[in-house]
C-alpha atoms as a PDB file:
ATOM      1  CA  UNK A   1      37.433 -62.084 -21.032  1.00  0.00           C
ATOM      2  CA  UNK A   2      40.680 -60.060 -21.275  1.00  0.00           C
ATOM      3  CA  UNK A   3      41.269 -60.452 -17.535  1.00  0.00           C
ATOM      4  CA  UNK A   4      41.110 -64.236 -17.813  1.00  0.00           C
ATOM      5  CA  UNK A   5      43.470 -64.192 -20.800  1.00  0.00           C
ATOM      6  CA  UNK A   6      45.981 -61.910 -19.034  1.00  0.00           C
ATOM      7  CA  UNK A   7      45.904 -64.182 -15.969  1.00  0.00           C
ATOM      8  CA  UNK A   8      46.696 -67.191 -18.167  1.00  0.00           C
ATOM      9  CA  UNK A   9      49.474 -65.281 -19.954  1.00  0.00           C
ATOM     10  CA  UNK A  10      51.026 -64.212 -16.647  1.00  0.00           C
ATOM     11  CA  UNK A  11      50.811 -67.773 -15.329  1.00  0.00           C
ATOM     12  CA  UNK A  12      52.616 -69.027 -18.449  1.00  0.00           C
ATOM     13  CA  UNK A  13      55.267 -66.309 -18.139  1.00  0.00           C
ATOM     14  CA  UNK A  14      55.870 -67.161 -14.478  1.00  0.00           C
ATOM     15  CA  UNK A  15      56.312 -70.816 -15.434  1.00  0.00           C
ATOM     16  CA  UNK A  16      58.869 -69.918 -18.126  1.00  0.00           C
ATOM     17  CA  UNK A  17      60.725 -67.608 -15.722  1.00  0.00           C
ATOM     18  CA  UNK A  18      60.681 -70.267 -13.000  1.00  0.00           C
ATOM     19  CA  UNK A  19      62.450 -72.715 -15.336  1.00  0.00           C
ATOM     20  CA  UNK A  20      64.856 -70.345 -17.095  1.00  0.00           C
ATOM     21  CA  UNK A  21      65.445 -67.454 -14.697  1.00  0.00           C
ATOM     22  CA  UNK A  22      66.697 -64.034 -15.837  1.00  0.00           C
ATOM     23  CA  UNK A  23      69.558 -63.203 -18.185  1.00  0.00           C
ATOM     24  CA  UNK A  24      68.692 -64.809 -21.524  1.00  0.00           C
ATOM     25  CA  UNK A  25      67.842 -63.174 -24.848  1.00  0.00           C
ATOM     26  CA  UNK A  26      64.285 -62.064 -25.602  1.00  0.00           C
ATOM     27  CA  UNK A  27      64.105 -64.602 -28.429  1.00  0.00           C
ATOM     28  CA  UNK A  28      64.586 -67.478 -25.957  1.00  0.00           C
ATOM     29  CA  UNK A  29      61.748 -66.271 -23.733  1.00  0.00           C
ATOM     30  CA  UNK A  30      59.575 -65.688 -26.818  1.00  0.00           C
ATOM     31  CA  UNK A  31      60.047 -69.303 -27.989  1.00  0.00           C
ATOM     32  CA  UNK A  32      59.488 -70.789 -24.546  1.00  0.00           C
ATOM     33  CA  UNK A  33      56.464 -68.608 -23.862  1.00  0.00           C
ATOM     34  CA  UNK A  34      54.938 -69.690 -27.183  1.00  0.00           C
ATOM     35  CA  UNK A  35      55.485 -73.330 -26.212  1.00  0.00           C
ATOM     36  CA  UNK A  36      53.891 -72.700 -22.816  1.00  0.00           C
ATOM     37  CA  UNK A  37      50.891 -71.000 -24.494  1.00  0.00           C
ATOM     38  CA  UNK A  38      50.441 -74.051 -26.735  1.00  0.00           C
ATOM     39  CA  UNK A  39      50.546 -76.383 -23.724  1.00  0.00           C
ATOM     40  CA  UNK A  40      47.877 -74.274 -22.030  1.00  0.00           C
ATOM     41  CA  UNK A  41      45.631 -74.125 -25.099  1.00  0.00           C
ATOM     42  CA  UNK A  42      46.140 -70.406 -25.747  1.00  0.00           C
ATOM     43  CA  UNK A  43      45.946 -69.338 -29.392  1.00  0.00           C
ATOM     44  CA  UNK A  44      48.631 -66.847 -30.419  1.00  0.00           C
ATOM     45  CA  UNK A  45      50.339 -65.208 -33.356  1.00  0.00           C
ATOM     46  CA  UNK A  46      53.988 -64.178 -33.447  1.00  0.00           C
ATOM     47  CA  UNK A  47      55.929 -61.281 -34.943  1.00  0.00           C
ATOM     48  CA  UNK A  48      53.022 -59.411 -36.540  1.00  0.00           C
ATOM     49  CA  UNK A  49      53.877 -56.401 -38.698  1.00  0.00           C
ATOM     50  CA  UNK A  50      53.097 -53.423 -36.490  1.00  0.00           C
ATOM     51  CA  UNK A  51      53.059 -50.420 -38.791  1.00  0.00           C
ATOM     52  CA  UNK A  52      49.900 -49.389 -40.560  1.00  0.00           C
ATOM     53  CA  UNK A  53      50.056 -46.163 -42.485  1.00  0.00           C
ATOM     54  CA  UNK A  54      46.835 -44.841 -44.021  1.00  0.00           C
ATOM     55  CA  UNK A  55      45.380 -48.343 -44.009  1.00  0.00           C
ATOM     56  CA  UNK A  56      48.408 -49.996 -45.612  1.00  0.00           C
ATOM     57  CA  UNK A  57      50.456 -52.565 -43.707  1.00  0.00           C
ATOM     58  CA  UNK A  58      54.146 -51.654 -44.043  1.00  0.00           C
ATOM     59  CA  UNK A  59      57.021 -53.974 -43.281  1.00  0.00           C
ATOM     60  CA  UNK A  60      59.419 -51.587 -41.537  1.00  0.00           C
ATOM     61  CA  UNK A  61      60.982 -54.051 -39.157  1.00  0.00           C
ATOM     62  CA  UNK A  62      58.683 -53.257 -36.207  1.00  0.00           C
ATOM     63  CA  UNK A  63      56.882 -56.339 -34.974  1.00  0.00           C
ATOM     64  CA  UNK A  64      54.430 -57.149 -32.228  1.00  0.00           C
ATOM     65  CA  UNK A  65      55.992 -60.013 -30.273  1.00  0.00           C
ATOM     66  CA  UNK A  66      52.788 -61.923 -29.530  1.00  0.00           C
ATOM     67  CA  UNK A  67      49.053 -61.445 -30.000  1.00  0.00           C
ATOM     68  CA  UNK A  68      47.203 -63.861 -27.720  1.00  0.00           C
ATOM     69  CA  UNK A  69      43.633 -65.011 -28.357  1.00  0.00           C
ATOM     70  CA  UNK A  70      43.315 -62.100 -30.809  1.00  0.00           C
ATOM     71  CA  UNK A  71      42.827 -59.895 -27.750  1.00  0.00           C
ATOM     72  CA  UNK A  72      46.016 -59.222 -25.750  1.00  0.00           C
ATOM     73  CA  UNK A  73      49.286 -57.850 -27.123  1.00  0.00           C
ATOM     74  CA  UNK A  74      52.381 -59.184 -25.341  1.00  0.00           C
ATOM     75  CA  UNK A  75      55.701 -57.381 -25.651  1.00  0.00           C
ATOM     76  CA  UNK A  76      58.694 -59.312 -24.326  1.00  0.00           C
ATOM     77  CA  UNK A  77      61.807 -57.657 -22.915  1.00  0.00           C
ATOM     78  CA  UNK A  78      64.966 -58.875 -21.239  1.00  0.00           C
ATOM     79  CA  UNK A  79      66.607 -55.714 -19.933  1.00  0.00           C
ATOM     80  CA  UNK A  80      67.974 -54.213 -16.789  1.00  0.00           C
ATOM     81  CA  UNK A  81      64.912 -51.986 -16.395  1.00  0.00           C
ATOM     82  CA  UNK A  82      61.766 -51.072 -18.286  1.00  0.00           C
ATOM     83  CA  UNK A  83      61.741 -47.494 -19.531  1.00  0.00           C
ATOM     84  CA  UNK A  84      58.827 -45.209 -20.391  1.00  0.00           C
ATOM     85  CA  UNK A  85      59.611 -45.724 -24.091  1.00  0.00           C
ATOM     86  CA  UNK A  86      58.738 -49.427 -23.728  1.00  0.00           C
ATOM     87  CA  UNK A  87      55.295 -48.537 -22.377  1.00  0.00           C
ATOM     88  CA  UNK A  88      54.849 -46.028 -25.211  1.00  0.00           C
ATOM     89  CA  UNK A  89      55.844 -48.707 -27.740  1.00  0.00           C
ATOM     90  CA  UNK A  90      53.247 -51.144 -26.387  1.00  0.00           C
ATOM     91  CA  UNK A  91      50.558 -48.462 -26.305  1.00  0.00           C
ATOM     92  CA  UNK A  92      51.306 -47.616 -29.945  1.00  0.00           C
ATOM     93  CA  UNK A  93      51.006 -51.298 -30.875  1.00  0.00           C
ATOM     94  CA  UNK A  94      47.655 -51.447 -29.079  1.00  0.00           C
ATOM     95  CA  UNK A  95      46.400 -48.431 -31.013  1.00  0.00           C
ATOM     96  CA  UNK A  96      47.601 -49.754 -34.352  1.00  0.00           C
ATOM     97  CA  UNK A  97      45.983 -53.158 -33.993  1.00  0.00           C
ATOM     98  CA  UNK A  98      42.964 -51.757 -32.111  1.00  0.00           C
ATOM     99  CA  UNK A  99      43.322 -53.858 -28.992  1.00  0.00           C
ATOM    100  CA  UNK A 100      42.535 -52.721 -25.469  1.00  0.00           C
ATOM    101  CA  UNK A 101      45.001 -54.619 -23.281  1.00  0.00           C
ATOM    102  CA  UNK A 102      48.713 -55.273 -23.496  1.00  0.00           C
ATOM    103  CA  UNK A 103      51.288 -56.875 -21.237  1.00  0.00           C
ATOM    104  CA  UNK A 104      54.886 -55.757 -21.088  1.00  0.00           C
ATOM    105  CA  UNK A 105      56.950 -58.606 -19.641  1.00  0.00           C
ATOM    106  CA  UNK A 106      60.583 -58.080 -18.624  1.00  0.00           C
ATOM    107  CA  UNK A 107      62.158 -61.470 -17.935  1.00  0.00           C
ATOM    108  CA  UNK A 108      65.441 -59.992 -16.696  1.00  0.00           C
ATOM    109  CA  UNK A 109      64.308 -59.649 -13.076  1.00  0.00           C
ATOM    110  CA  UNK A 110      64.755 -61.951 -10.052  1.00  0.00           C
ATOM    111  CA  UNK A 111      60.971 -62.149  -9.445  1.00  0.00           C
ATOM    112  CA  UNK A 112      58.851 -61.934 -12.599  1.00  0.00           C
ATOM    113  CA  UNK A 113      55.957 -60.066 -10.991  1.00  0.00           C
ATOM    114  CA  UNK A 114      58.361 -57.101 -10.673  1.00  0.00           C
ATOM    115  CA  UNK A 115      58.862 -57.138 -14.455  1.00  0.00           C
ATOM    116  CA  UNK A 116      55.180 -57.025 -15.437  1.00  0.00           C
ATOM    117  CA  UNK A 117      53.227 -54.020 -16.654  1.00  0.00           C
ATOM    118  CA  UNK A 118      49.634 -54.077 -17.858  1.00  0.00           C
ATOM    119  CA  UNK A 119      48.772 -51.292 -20.289  1.00  0.00           C
ATOM    120  CA  UNK A 120      45.251 -50.300 -21.286  1.00  0.00           C
ATOM    121  CA  UNK A 121      44.442 -48.531 -24.527  1.00  0.00           C
ATOM    122  CA  UNK A 122      41.574 -46.109 -24.039  1.00  0.00           C
ATOM    123  CA  UNK A 123      42.095 -44.493 -27.427  1.00  0.00           C
ATOM    124  CA  UNK A 124      39.173 -44.894 -29.800  1.00  0.00           C
ATOM    125  CA  UNK A 125      39.983 -44.351 -33.476  1.00  0.00           C
ATOM    126  CA  UNK A 126      36.813 -43.589 -35.448  1.00  0.00           C
ATOM    127  CA  UNK A 127      38.149 -45.241 -38.621  1.00  0.00           C
ATOM    128  CA  UNK A 128      39.046 -48.909 -38.904  1.00  0.00           C
ATOM    129  CA  UNK A 129      42.794 -49.333 -39.464  1.00  0.00           C
ATOM    130  CA  UNK A 130      42.793 -52.941 -40.563  1.00  0.00           C
ATOM    131  CA  UNK A 131      40.445 -52.565 -43.511  1.00  0.00           C
ATOM    132  CA  UNK A 132      41.918 -50.845 -46.563  1.00  0.00           C
ATOM    133  CA  UNK A 133      38.565 -50.800 -48.370  1.00  0.00           C
ATOM    134  CA  UNK A 134      36.644 -49.186 -45.524  1.00  0.00           C
ATOM    135  CA  UNK A 135      36.334 -45.493 -46.218  1.00  0.00           C
ATOM    136  CA  UNK A 136      33.843 -43.523 -44.190  1.00  0.00           C
ATOM    137  CA  UNK A 137      33.603 -39.812 -44.487  1.00  0.00           C
ATOM    138  CA  UNK A 138      34.545 -38.262 -41.174  1.00  0.00           C
ATOM    139  CA  UNK A 139      32.001 -35.975 -39.574  1.00  0.00           C
ATOM    140  CA  UNK A 140      32.495 -32.274 -40.378  1.00  0.00           C
ATOM    141  CA  UNK A 141      34.678 -30.369 -37.948  1.00  0.00           C
ATOM    142  CA  UNK A 142      32.828 -28.151 -35.512  1.00  0.00           C
ATOM    143  CA  UNK A 143      34.234 -24.692 -35.385  1.00  0.00           C
ATOM    144  CA  UNK A 144      34.119 -22.485 -32.365  1.00  0.00           C
ATOM    145  CA  UNK A 145      32.838 -19.135 -33.596  1.00  0.00           C
ATOM    146  CA  UNK A 146      33.015 -17.294 -30.283  1.00  0.00           C
END
């Protein structure tokens, strides 16, 4: 399912890049990509608060650019080059909202395929982060007595 969604997202991003080219602000690509998603029948949410601390959603100014089909996190960039910190940011967003797949899309490249990174979250948090009322007792820690 996620593979099909990422293919559709990438197709939409290529279409936006084909029409606009590189060099614009992230906000322009965000708006156009949202329009392209709507035309293609993809459900999405924009600018979701991205910081959960001890089960409480905090509005600290960090936002997930797009969440598509409640499955794939899309982070939009328009920079000279993607840096490791951008991958770390996306991975953190994936962990916080408990999603497996994210796409980092840098529109500031001549050929969009060179600005794409797919990130997988293999981290499994034993406690749900999105439910404040869910409180399970964690299993006792095993101690190594040797």
